[in-house]
Amino acid sequence: MILTRLSTLLRERQRATLAELARGVDASPEALQPMLATLERKGRIRHLGAGSRCSSGCCKCDPATLDVYEWIADAAAD
């Protein structure tokens, strides 16, 4: 199941961009967004947003490369 693979990947990496997660589970960023929202509602991950924008100012960067998610479930158990 993709949700399990997604959880495992994020738990192992601790932080990853939406694009990295999509590549890691072989799914589109759009397909992952509802799953990430579910994990966030359950308190397992935190959406850190789009960190810092690139410095070029051209606005051509793929938003999925800037959107960052962080695994927090293990920290909440401490």
PDB file of N, CA and C in Angstrom:
ATOM      1  N   MET A   1       0.844  -1.179   0.000  1.00  0.00           N
ATOM      2  CA  MET A   1       0.000   0.000   0.000  1.00  0.00           C
ATOM      3  C   MET A   1       0.894   1.249   0.000  1.00  0.00           C
ATOM      4  N   ILE A   2       0.505   2.224  -0.760  1.00  0.00           N
ATOM      5  CA  ILE A   2       1.322   3.429  -0.910  1.00  0.00           C
ATOM      6  C   ILE A   2       1.427   4.194   0.411  1.00  0.00           C
ATOM      7  N   LEU A   3       0.368   4.252   1.187  1.00  0.00           N
ATOM      8  CA  LEU A   3       0.400   5.003   2.443  1.00  0.00           C
ATOM      9  C   LEU A   3       1.449   4.424   3.395  1.00  0.00           C
ATOM     10  N   THR A   4       1.554   3.111   3.451  1.00  0.00           N
ATOM     11  CA  THR A   4       2.561   2.462   4.292  1.00  0.00           C
ATOM     12  C   THR A   4       3.960   2.764   3.787  1.00  0.00           C
ATOM     13  N   ARG A   5       4.164   2.661   2.476  1.00  0.00           N
ATOM     14  CA  ARG A   5       5.474   2.969   1.895  1.00  0.00           C
ATOM     15  C   ARG A   5       5.841   4.425   2.131  1.00  0.00           C
ATOM     16  N   LEU A   6       4.870   5.300   2.005  1.00  0.00           N
ATOM     17  CA  LEU A   6       5.087   6.727   2.223  1.00  0.00           C
ATOM     18  C   LEU A   6       5.494   6.989   3.677  1.00  0.00           C
ATOM     19  N   SER A   7       4.794   6.375   4.611  1.00  0.00           N
ATOM     20  CA  SER A   7       5.122   6.527   6.034  1.00  0.00           C
ATOM     21  C   SER A   7       6.527   6.022   6.332  1.00  0.00           C
ATOM     22  N   THR A   8       6.856   4.860   5.805  1.00  0.00           N
ATOM     23  CA  THR A   8       8.177   4.271   6.031  1.00  0.00           C
ATOM     24  C   THR A   8       9.273   5.163   5.468  1.00  0.00           C
ATOM     25  N   LEU A   9       9.075   5.646   4.266  1.00  0.00           N
ATOM     26  CA  LEU A   9      10.064   6.508   3.620  1.00  0.00           C
ATOM     27  C   LEU A   9      10.295   7.786   4.423  1.00  0.00           C
ATOM     28  N   LEU A  10       9.231   8.411   4.850  1.00  0.00           N
ATOM     29  CA  LEU A  10       9.368   9.660   5.597  1.00  0.00           C
ATOM     30  C   LEU A  10       9.952   9.408   6.988  1.00  0.00           C
ATOM     31  N   ARG A  11       9.593   8.292   7.601  1.00  0.00           N
ATOM     32  CA  ARG A  11      10.161   7.945   8.906  1.00  0.00           C
ATOM     33  C   ARG A  11      11.676   7.751   8.790  1.00  0.00           C
ATOM     34  N   GLU A  12      12.116   7.106   7.718  1.00  0.00           N
ATOM     35  CA  GLU A  12      13.544   6.858   7.513  1.00  0.00           C
ATOM     36  C   GLU A  12      14.312   8.143   7.211  1.00  0.00           C
ATOM     37  N   ARG A  13      13.732   9.007   6.418  1.00  0.00           N
ATOM     38  CA  ARG A  13      14.427  10.239   6.008  1.00  0.00           C
ATOM     39  C   ARG A  13      14.248  11.387   6.988  1.00  0.00           C
ATOM     40  N   GLN A  14      13.204  11.340   7.784  1.00  0.00           N
ATOM     41  CA  GLN A  14      12.831  12.396   8.731  1.00  0.00           C
ATOM     42  C   GLN A  14      12.269  13.640   8.044  1.00  0.00           C
ATOM     43  N   ARG A  15      12.897  14.115   6.987  1.00  0.00           N
ATOM     44  CA  ARG A  15      12.390  15.249   6.199  1.00  0.00           C
ATOM     45  C   ARG A  15      12.591  14.952   4.727  1.00  0.00           C
ATOM     46  N   ALA A  16      11.610  15.355   3.925  1.00  0.00           N
ATOM     47  CA  ALA A  16      11.724  15.162   2.478  1.00  0.00           C
ATOM     48  C   ALA A  16      10.778  16.115   1.766  1.00  0.00           C
ATOM     49  N   THR A  17      11.145  16.455   0.544  1.00  0.00           N
ATOM     50  CA  THR A  17      10.258  17.286  -0.270  1.00  0.00           C
ATOM     51  C   THR A  17       9.176  16.408  -0.876  1.00  0.00           C
ATOM     52  N   LEU A  18       8.134  17.039  -1.333  1.00  0.00           N
ATOM     53  CA  LEU A  18       7.051  16.318  -1.994  1.00  0.00           C
ATOM     54  C   LEU A  18       7.581  15.575  -3.213  1.00  0.00           C
ATOM     55  N   ALA A  19       8.480  16.198  -3.960  1.00  0.00           N
ATOM     56  CA  ALA A  19       9.050  15.554  -5.146  1.00  0.00           C
ATOM     57  C   ALA A  19       9.861  14.317  -4.767  1.00  0.00           C
ATOM     58  N   GLU A  20      10.649  14.390  -3.685  1.00  0.00           N
ATOM     59  CA  GLU A  20      11.434  13.236  -3.238  1.00  0.00           C
ATOM     60  C   GLU A  20      10.523  12.090  -2.818  1.00  0.00           C
ATOM     61  N   LEU A  21       9.452  12.418  -2.109  1.00  0.00           N
ATOM     62  CA  LEU A  21       8.503  11.394  -1.685  1.00  0.00           C
ATOM     63  C   LEU A  21       7.819  10.751  -2.884  1.00  0.00           C
ATOM     64  N   ALA A  22       7.447  11.565  -3.857  1.00  0.00           N
ATOM     65  CA  ALA A  22       6.788  11.044  -5.056  1.00  0.00           C
ATOM     66  C   ALA A  22       7.706  10.071  -5.793  1.00  0.00           C
ATOM     67  N   ARG A  23       8.975  10.439  -5.934  1.00  0.00           N
ATOM     68  CA  ARG A  23       9.939   9.530  -6.575  1.00  0.00           C
ATOM     69  C   ARG A  23      10.130   8.264  -5.749  1.00  0.00           C
ATOM     70  N   GLY A  24      10.166   8.418  -4.440  1.00  0.00           N
ATOM     71  CA  GLY A  24      10.416   7.286  -3.553  1.00  0.00           C
ATOM     72  C   GLY A  24       9.328   6.235  -3.554  1.00  0.00           C
ATOM     73  N   VAL A  25       8.092   6.639  -3.796  1.00  0.00           N
ATOM     74  CA  VAL A  25       6.985   5.676  -3.815  1.00  0.00           C
ATOM     75  C   VAL A  25       6.410   5.492  -5.215  1.00  0.00           C
ATOM     76  N   ASP A  26       7.057   6.107  -6.195  1.00  0.00           N
ATOM     77  CA  ASP A  26       6.656   5.992  -7.599  1.00  0.00           C
ATOM     78  C   ASP A  26       5.196   6.402  -7.813  1.00  0.00           C
ATOM     79  N   ALA A  27       4.897   7.622  -7.379  1.00  0.00           N
ATOM     80  CA  ALA A  27       3.549   8.175  -7.543  1.00  0.00           C
ATOM     81  C   ALA A  27       3.676   9.663  -7.853  1.00  0.00           C
ATOM     82  N   SER A  28       2.622  10.245  -8.357  1.00  0.00           N
ATOM     83  CA  SER A  28       2.658  11.676  -8.667  1.00  0.00           C
ATOM     84  C   SER A  28       2.502  12.487  -7.379  1.00  0.00           C
ATOM     85  N   PRO A  29       3.070  13.687  -7.348  1.00  0.00           N
ATOM     86  CA  PRO A  29       2.886  14.543  -6.173  1.00  0.00           C
ATOM     87  C   PRO A  29       1.407  14.798  -5.871  1.00  0.00           C
ATOM     88  N   GLU A  30       0.611  14.937  -6.908  1.00  0.00           N
ATOM     89  CA  GLU A  30      -0.825  15.181  -6.722  1.00  0.00           C
ATOM     90  C   GLU A  30      -1.502  14.003  -6.030  1.00  0.00           C
ATOM     91  N   ALA A  31      -1.074  12.781  -6.344  1.00  0.00           N
ATOM     92  CA  ALA A  31      -1.661  11.593  -5.723  1.00  0.00           C
ATOM     93  C   ALA A  31      -1.270  11.483  -4.249  1.00  0.00           C
ATOM     94  N   LEU A  32      -0.103  11.998  -3.896  1.00  0.00           N
ATOM     95  CA  LEU A  32       0.375  11.902  -2.516  1.00  0.00           C
ATOM     96  C   LEU A  32      -0.252  12.931  -1.586  1.00  0.00           C
ATOM     97  N   GLN A  33      -0.677  14.044  -2.107  1.00  0.00           N
ATOM     98  CA  GLN A  33      -1.171  15.120  -1.242  1.00  0.00           C
ATOM     99  C   GLN A  33      -2.306  14.694  -0.308  1.00  0.00           C
ATOM    100  N   PRO A  34      -3.326  13.951  -0.763  1.00  0.00           N
ATOM    101  CA  PRO A  34      -4.362  13.509   0.182  1.00  0.00           C
ATOM    102  C   PRO A  34      -3.820  12.546   1.237  1.00  0.00           C
ATOM    103  N   MET A  35      -2.860  11.704   0.858  1.00  0.00           N
ATOM    104  CA  MET A  35      -2.266  10.773   1.822  1.00  0.00           C
ATOM    105  C   MET A  35      -1.446  11.523   2.865  1.00  0.00           C
ATOM    106  N   LEU A  36      -0.710  12.523   2.416  1.00  0.00           N
ATOM    107  CA  LEU A  36       0.070  13.338   3.342  1.00  0.00           C
ATOM    108  C   LEU A  36      -0.849  14.115   4.277  1.00  0.00           C
ATOM    109  N   ALA A  37      -1.977  14.571   3.760  1.00  0.00           N
ATOM    110  CA  ALA A  37      -2.955  15.277   4.597  1.00  0.00           C
ATOM    111  C   ALA A  37      -3.505  14.342   5.676  1.00  0.00           C
ATOM    112  N   THR A  38      -3.731  13.083   5.326  1.00  0.00           N
ATOM    113  CA  THR A  38      -4.200  12.093   6.294  1.00  0.00           C
ATOM    114  C   THR A  38      -3.165  11.878   7.389  1.00  0.00           C
ATOM    115  N   LEU A  39      -1.899  11.707   6.995  1.00  0.00           N
ATOM    116  CA  LEU A  39      -0.829  11.515   7.979  1.00  0.00           C
ATOM    117  C   LEU A  39      -0.671  12.745   8.870  1.00  0.00           C
ATOM    118  N   GLU A  40      -0.880  13.912   8.299  1.00  0.00           N
ATOM    119  CA  GLU A  40      -0.785  15.146   9.086  1.00  0.00           C
ATOM    120  C   GLU A  40      -1.931  15.230  10.097  1.00  0.00           C
ATOM    121  N   ARG A  41      -3.141  14.880   9.670  1.00  0.00           N
ATOM    122  CA  ARG A  41      -4.299  14.883  10.581  1.00  0.00           C
ATOM    123  C   ARG A  41      -4.093  13.911  11.738  1.00  0.00           C
ATOM    124  N   LYS A  42      -3.435  12.780  11.455  1.00  0.00           N
ATOM    125  CA  LYS A  42      -3.190  11.769  12.484  1.00  0.00           C
ATOM    126  C   LYS A  42      -2.020  12.135  13.393  1.00  0.00           C
ATOM    127  N   GLY A  43      -1.350  13.243  13.104  1.00  0.00           N
ATOM    128  CA  GLY A  43      -0.250  13.690  13.940  1.00  0.00           C
ATOM    129  C   GLY A  43       1.061  12.968  13.698  1.00  0.00           C
ATOM    130  N   ARG A  44       1.209  12.346  12.549  1.00  0.00           N
ATOM    131  CA  ARG A  44       2.441  11.611  12.246  1.00  0.00           C
ATOM    132  C   ARG A  44       3.469  12.449  11.505  1.00  0.00           C
ATOM    133  N   ILE A  45       2.990  13.434  10.752  1.00  0.00           N
ATOM    134  CA  ILE A  45       3.906  14.290  10.000  1.00  0.00           C
ATOM    135  C   ILE A  45       3.514  15.746  10.195  1.00  0.00           C
ATOM    136  N   ARG A  46       4.433  16.603   9.809  1.00  0.00           N
ATOM    137  CA  ARG A  46       4.170  18.042   9.838  1.00  0.00           C
ATOM    138  C   ARG A  46       4.537  18.594   8.464  1.00  0.00           C
ATOM    139  N   HIS A  47       3.663  19.421   7.928  1.00  0.00           N
ATOM    140  CA  HIS A  47       3.935  20.086   6.655  1.00  0.00           C
ATOM    141  C   HIS A  47       4.687  21.366   6.969  1.00  0.00           C
ATOM    142  N   LEU A  48       5.922  21.442   6.497  1.00  0.00           N
ATOM    143  CA  LEU A  48       6.745  22.612   6.781  1.00  0.00           C
ATOM    144  C   LEU A  48       6.588  23.683   5.722  1.00  0.00           C
ATOM    145  N   GLY A  49       5.804  23.391   4.718  1.00  0.00           N
ATOM    146  CA  GLY A  49       5.584  24.376   3.666  1.00  0.00           C
ATOM    147  C   GLY A  49       6.732  24.424   2.688  1.00  0.00           C
ATOM    148  N   ALA A  50       6.835  25.528   2.040  1.00  0.00           N
ATOM    149  CA  ALA A  50       7.808  25.677   0.962  1.00  0.00           C
ATOM    150  C   ALA A  50       9.066  26.368   1.439  1.00  0.00           C
ATOM    151  N   GLY A  51       9.605  25.934   2.547  1.00  0.00           N
ATOM    152  CA  GLY A  51      10.882  26.424   3.059  1.00  0.00           C
ATOM    153  C   GLY A  51      11.298  27.762   2.494  1.00  0.00           C
ATOM    154  N   SER A  52      12.315  27.753   1.719  1.00  0.00           N
ATOM    155  CA  SER A  52      12.761  28.995   1.089  1.00  0.00           C
ATOM    156  C   SER A  52      12.668  28.844  -0.417  1.00  0.00           C
ATOM    157  N   ARG A  53      12.221  29.851  -1.025  1.00  0.00           N
ATOM    158  CA  ARG A  53      12.141  29.856  -2.487  1.00  0.00           C
ATOM    159  C   ARG A  53      13.546  29.973  -3.053  1.00  0.00           C
ATOM    160  N   CYS A  54      13.733  29.527  -4.263  1.00  0.00           N
ATOM    161  CA  CYS A  54      15.053  29.676  -4.875  1.00  0.00           C
ATOM    162  C   CYS A  54      15.343  31.164  -5.071  1.00  0.00           C
ATOM    163  N   SER A  55      16.574  31.481  -5.262  1.00  0.00           N
ATOM    164  CA  SER A  55      16.960  32.892  -5.297  1.00  0.00           C
ATOM    165  C   SER A  55      16.857  33.536  -6.670  1.00  0.00           C
ATOM    166  N   SER A  56      16.523  32.752  -7.692  1.00  0.00           N
ATOM    167  CA  SER A  56      16.512  33.330  -9.037  1.00  0.00           C
ATOM    168  C   SER A  56      15.329  34.263  -9.273  1.00  0.00           C
ATOM    169  N   GLY A  57      14.208  34.009  -8.595  1.00  0.00           N
ATOM    170  CA  GLY A  57      13.048  34.875  -8.746  1.00  0.00           C
ATOM    171  C   GLY A  57      12.277  34.675 -10.037  1.00  0.00           C
ATOM    172  N   CYS A  58      12.581  33.611 -10.776  1.00  0.00           N
ATOM    173  CA  CYS A  58      11.920  33.407 -12.065  1.00  0.00           C
ATOM    174  C   CYS A  58      10.539  32.764 -11.921  1.00  0.00           C
ATOM    175  N   CYS A  59      10.236  32.193 -10.750  1.00  0.00           N
ATOM    176  CA  CYS A  59       8.949  31.527 -10.478  1.00  0.00           C
ATOM    177  C   CYS A  59       8.724  30.298 -11.344  1.00  0.00           C
ATOM    178  N   LYS A  60       9.782  29.678 -11.847  1.00  0.00           N
ATOM    179  CA  LYS A  60       9.635  28.489 -12.677  1.00  0.00           C
ATOM    180  C   LYS A  60       9.924  27.201 -11.914  1.00  0.00           C
ATOM    181  N   CYS A  61      10.285  27.306 -10.643  1.00  0.00           N
ATOM    182  CA  CYS A  61      10.572  26.111  -9.855  1.00  0.00           C
ATOM    183  C   CYS A  61       9.290  25.310  -9.644  1.00  0.00           C
ATOM    184  N   ASP A  62       9.424  23.999  -9.735  1.00  0.00           N
ATOM    185  CA  ASP A  62       8.305  23.112  -9.455  1.00  0.00           C
ATOM    186  C   ASP A  62       7.984  23.208  -7.964  1.00  0.00           C
ATOM    187  N   PRO A  63       6.756  23.563  -7.595  1.00  0.00           N
ATOM    188  CA  PRO A  63       6.413  23.681  -6.173  1.00  0.00           C
ATOM    189  C   PRO A  63       6.676  22.401  -5.388  1.00  0.00           C
ATOM    190  N   ALA A  64       6.606  21.246  -6.037  1.00  0.00           N
ATOM    191  CA  ALA A  64       6.842  19.977  -5.354  1.00  0.00           C
ATOM    192  C   ALA A  64       8.285  19.853  -4.875  1.00  0.00           C
ATOM    193  N   THR A  65       9.203  20.594  -5.493  1.00  0.00           N
ATOM    194  CA  THR A  65      10.597  20.533  -5.058  1.00  0.00           C
ATOM    195  C   THR A  65      10.849  21.447  -3.866  1.00  0.00           C
ATOM    196  N   LEU A  66       9.890  22.279  -3.527  1.00  0.00           N
ATOM    197  CA  LEU A  66      10.048  23.225  -2.428  1.00  0.00           C
ATOM    198  C   LEU A  66       9.174  22.891  -1.223  1.00  0.00           C
ATOM    199  N   ASP A  67       8.170  22.041  -1.403  1.00  0.00           N
ATOM    200  CA  ASP A  67       7.239  21.659  -0.344  1.00  0.00           C
ATOM    201  C   ASP A  67       7.880  20.580   0.526  1.00  0.00           C
ATOM    202  N   VAL A  68       8.063  20.832   1.822  1.00  0.00           N
ATOM    203  CA  VAL A  68       8.785  19.920   2.708  1.00  0.00           C
ATOM    204  C   VAL A  68       7.844  19.329   3.758  1.00  0.00           C
ATOM    205  N   TYR A  69       8.024  18.027   4.018  1.00  0.00           N
ATOM    206  CA  TYR A  69       7.275  17.319   5.052  1.00  0.00           C
ATOM    207  C   TYR A  69       8.262  16.709   6.035  1.00  0.00           C
ATOM    208  N   GLU A  70       7.854  16.640   7.313  1.00  0.00           N
ATOM    209  CA  GLU A  70       8.728  16.128   8.369  1.00  0.00           C
ATOM    210  C   GLU A  70       7.988  15.073   9.180  1.00  0.00           C
ATOM    211  N   TRP A  71       8.659  13.961   9.499  1.00  0.00           N
ATOM    212  CA  TRP A  71       8.096  12.901  10.326  1.00  0.00           C
ATOM    213  C   TRP A  71       8.171  13.332  11.786  1.00  0.00           C
ATOM    214  N   ILE A  72       7.062  13.281  12.525  1.00  0.00           N
ATOM    215  CA  ILE A  72       7.068  13.703  13.927  1.00  0.00           C
ATOM    216  C   ILE A  72       6.454  12.672  14.863  1.00  0.00           C
ATOM    217  N   ALA A  73       5.916  11.579  14.360  1.00  0.00           N
ATOM    218  CA  ALA A  73       5.204  10.612  15.196  1.00  0.00           C
ATOM    219  C   ALA A  73       6.092  10.048  16.293  1.00  0.00           C
ATOM    220  N   ASP A  74       7.348   9.733  15.982  1.00  0.00           N
ATOM    221  CA  ASP A  74       8.247   9.172  16.987  1.00  0.00           C
ATOM    222  C   ASP A  74       8.557  10.189  18.077  1.00  0.00           C
ATOM    223  N   ALA A  75       8.675  11.447  17.705  1.00  0.00           N
ATOM    224  CA  ALA A  75       8.953  12.506  18.674  1.00  0.00           C
ATOM    225  C   ALA A  75       7.765  12.699  19.613  1.00  0.00           C
ATOM    226  N   ALA A  76       6.558  12.526  19.089  1.00  0.00           N
ATOM    227  CA  ALA A  76       5.351  12.701  19.901  1.00  0.00           C
ATOM    228  C   ALA A  76       5.226  11.596  20.947  1.00  0.00           C
ATOM    229  N   ALA A  77       5.802  10.420  20.668  1.00  0.00           N
ATOM    230  CA  ALA A  77       5.716   9.292  21.588  1.00  0.00           C
ATOM    231  C   ALA A  77       6.677   9.437  22.764  1.00  0.00           C
ATOM    232  N   ASP A  78       7.687  10.283  22.627  1.00  0.00           N
ATOM    233  CA  ASP A  78       8.699  10.457  23.694  1.00  0.00           C
ATOM    234  C   ASP A  78       8.147  11.159  24.903  1.00  0.00           C
TER     235      ASP A  78
END
